[in-house]
Structure formats: C-alpha cells, structure tokens
C-alpha cells in the first residue's frame, strides 16, 4: 500500500488495518513454522506494512 493511500485512511481505519495485518503476520509465521512458505519475504513485507501504518498513526498523534 502506498504512503498516499495510507494518509487518506482515518484513524479508526488505520487501527483496524494494523490489527488485521498483525493477524495476517501471525498466520504467516505459523504456516511457515509448519511448512516453509513459497515466498518467505512475505513475512518481511507484512512487518513493513504494519510499521508504515503505525508510523502514520503516531505522526497523527504528535501533530494533534
């Protein structure tokens, strides 16, 4: 997801997206522990996406 798209989301949507991505990350890690993923870089990408959402949320808190 692009930064411009993230900035258009509301605070509530950001929090929901963070929760959803964390659940997705947990599922990926569990699946990877059982059988290796075809593309283990998915885990890295999901972690970065969570960080992007969290960074935008934190910037909004500081700007208020």
Foldseek 3Di string as FASTA:
>chain_A
DDLVVLLPDDLVVLVVVLVVLVVVLVVQVVVCVVPNDPDVCVNVVSVVVSVSSVVSNVVVVVVD
